[in-house]
Amino acid sequence: MSSKKAMKQAQKQAYAKHRSNITNSRFAIKKRNFNKNKKKN
């Protein structure tokens, strides 16, 4: 595998990880807020 190809793949993987972290954390925050509001009522 050429270094160029390896770099491209590494960047893709890092970006995919980054994207999934964003969606996961956003979902987790929503979940937490939902639970907080539930307890108030």
N, C-alpha and C. Protein backbone atom coordinates (compact mmCIF):
# COMPACT_ATOMS: atom_id res chain seq x y z
N MET A 1 0.84 -1.20 0.00
CA MET A 1 0.00 0.00 0.00
C MET A 1 0.88 1.26 0.00
N SER A 2 0.58 2.17 -0.88
CA SER A 2 1.38 3.39 -0.94
C SER A 2 1.05 4.29 0.26
N SER A 3 1.98 5.14 0.62
CA SER A 3 1.76 6.00 1.78
C SER A 3 0.60 6.97 1.53
N LYS A 4 0.44 7.39 0.27
CA LYS A 4 -0.66 8.30 -0.05
C LYS A 4 -2.00 7.62 0.23
N LYS A 5 -2.09 6.37 -0.21
CA LYS A 5 -3.33 5.62 -0.02
C LYS A 5 -3.59 5.43 1.48
N ALA A 6 -2.53 5.11 2.21
CA ALA A 6 -2.66 4.87 3.65
C ALA A 6 -3.12 6.15 4.36
N MET A 7 -2.57 7.27 3.97
CA MET A 7 -2.94 8.54 4.59
C MET A 7 -4.41 8.85 4.33
N LYS A 8 -4.84 8.63 3.09
CA LYS A 8 -6.24 8.89 2.75
C LYS A 8 -7.17 8.03 3.59
N GLN A 9 -6.82 6.75 3.74
CA GLN A 9 -7.66 5.84 4.50
C GLN A 9 -7.69 6.25 5.97
N ALA A 10 -6.55 6.65 6.50
CA ALA A 10 -6.47 7.05 7.90
C ALA A 10 -7.33 8.29 8.14
N GLN A 11 -7.29 9.22 7.20
CA GLN A 11 -8.10 10.43 7.33
C GLN A 11 -9.58 10.08 7.31
N LYS A 12 -9.95 9.18 6.39
CA LYS A 12 -11.35 8.76 6.29
C LYS A 12 -11.82 8.15 7.60
N GLN A 13 -10.99 7.27 8.16
CA GLN A 13 -11.36 6.61 9.40
C GLN A 13 -11.50 7.62 10.54
N ALA A 14 -10.56 8.53 10.62
CA ALA A 14 -10.59 9.54 11.68
C ALA A 14 -11.84 10.39 11.55
N TYR A 15 -12.20 10.76 10.31
CA TYR A 15 -13.36 11.58 10.08
C TYR A 15 -14.63 10.83 10.45
N ALA A 16 -14.69 9.55 10.09
CA ALA A 16 -15.87 8.74 10.40
C ALA A 16 -16.04 8.63 11.91
N LYS A 17 -14.92 8.44 12.61
CA LYS A 17 -14.96 8.33 14.07
C LYS A 17 -15.45 9.64 14.65
N HIS A 18 -14.94 10.74 14.14
CA HIS A 18 -15.30 12.06 14.59
C HIS A 18 -16.80 12.30 14.40
N ARG A 19 -17.31 11.93 13.22
CA ARG A 19 -18.73 12.13 12.94
C ARG A 19 -19.59 11.30 13.89
N SER A 20 -19.21 10.05 14.12
CA SER A 20 -20.02 9.20 14.99
C SER A 20 -19.98 9.72 16.43
N ASN A 21 -18.84 10.28 16.83
CA ASN A 21 -18.74 10.84 18.18
C ASN A 21 -19.70 12.01 18.33
N ILE A 22 -19.78 12.85 17.31
CA ILE A 22 -20.66 14.01 17.35
C ILE A 22 -22.11 13.55 17.49
N THR A 23 -22.53 12.62 16.64
CA THR A 23 -23.93 12.18 16.69
C THR A 23 -24.22 11.46 18.00
N ASN A 24 -23.28 10.66 18.47
CA ASN A 24 -23.49 9.92 19.72
C ASN A 24 -23.61 10.88 20.90
N SER A 25 -22.72 11.86 20.98
CA SER A 25 -22.76 12.77 22.12
C SER A 25 -24.02 13.63 22.06
N ARG A 26 -24.43 14.02 20.87
CA ARG A 26 -25.64 14.83 20.74
C ARG A 26 -26.84 14.02 21.22
N PHE A 27 -26.87 12.74 20.83
CA PHE A 27 -27.97 11.87 21.23
C PHE A 27 -27.96 11.65 22.74
N ALA A 28 -26.78 11.50 23.30
CA ALA A 28 -26.66 11.27 24.74
C ALA A 28 -27.14 12.50 25.50
N ILE A 29 -26.81 13.67 25.01
CA ILE A 29 -27.23 14.92 25.68
C ILE A 29 -28.75 15.04 25.62
N LYS A 30 -29.33 14.74 24.47
CA LYS A 30 -30.79 14.78 24.32
C LYS A 30 -31.44 13.84 25.32
N LYS A 31 -30.87 12.64 25.42
CA LYS A 31 -31.42 11.63 26.33
C LYS A 31 -31.39 12.14 27.76
N ARG A 32 -30.24 12.75 28.13
CA ARG A 32 -30.07 13.24 29.49
C ARG A 32 -31.10 14.34 29.80
N ASN A 33 -31.27 15.26 28.86
CA ASN A 33 -32.21 16.35 29.06
C ASN A 33 -33.63 15.81 29.17
N PHE A 34 -33.93 14.81 28.37
CA PHE A 34 -35.25 14.22 28.38
C PHE A 34 -35.53 13.62 29.76
N ASN A 35 -34.55 12.94 30.34
CA ASN A 35 -34.72 12.34 31.66
C ASN A 35 -34.91 13.41 32.73
N LYS A 36 -34.18 14.49 32.61
CA LYS A 36 -34.28 15.59 33.57
C LYS A 36 -35.70 16.16 33.55
N ASN A 37 -36.21 16.41 32.34
CA ASN A 37 -37.55 16.99 32.22
C ASN A 37 -38.62 16.03 32.74
N LYS A 38 -38.39 14.75 32.56
CA LYS A 38 -39.35 13.75 33.02
C LYS A 38 -39.48 13.81 34.55
N LYS A 39 -38.34 13.94 35.23
CA LYS A 39 -38.34 13.92 36.69
C LYS A 39 -39.09 15.15 37.25
N LYS A 40 -38.98 16.29 36.59
CA LYS A 40 -39.64 17.51 37.05
C LYS A 40 -41.16 17.33 37.09
N ASN A 41 -41.68 16.73 36.02
CA ASN A 41 -43.14 16.53 35.95
C ASN A 41 -43.48 15.40 36.88
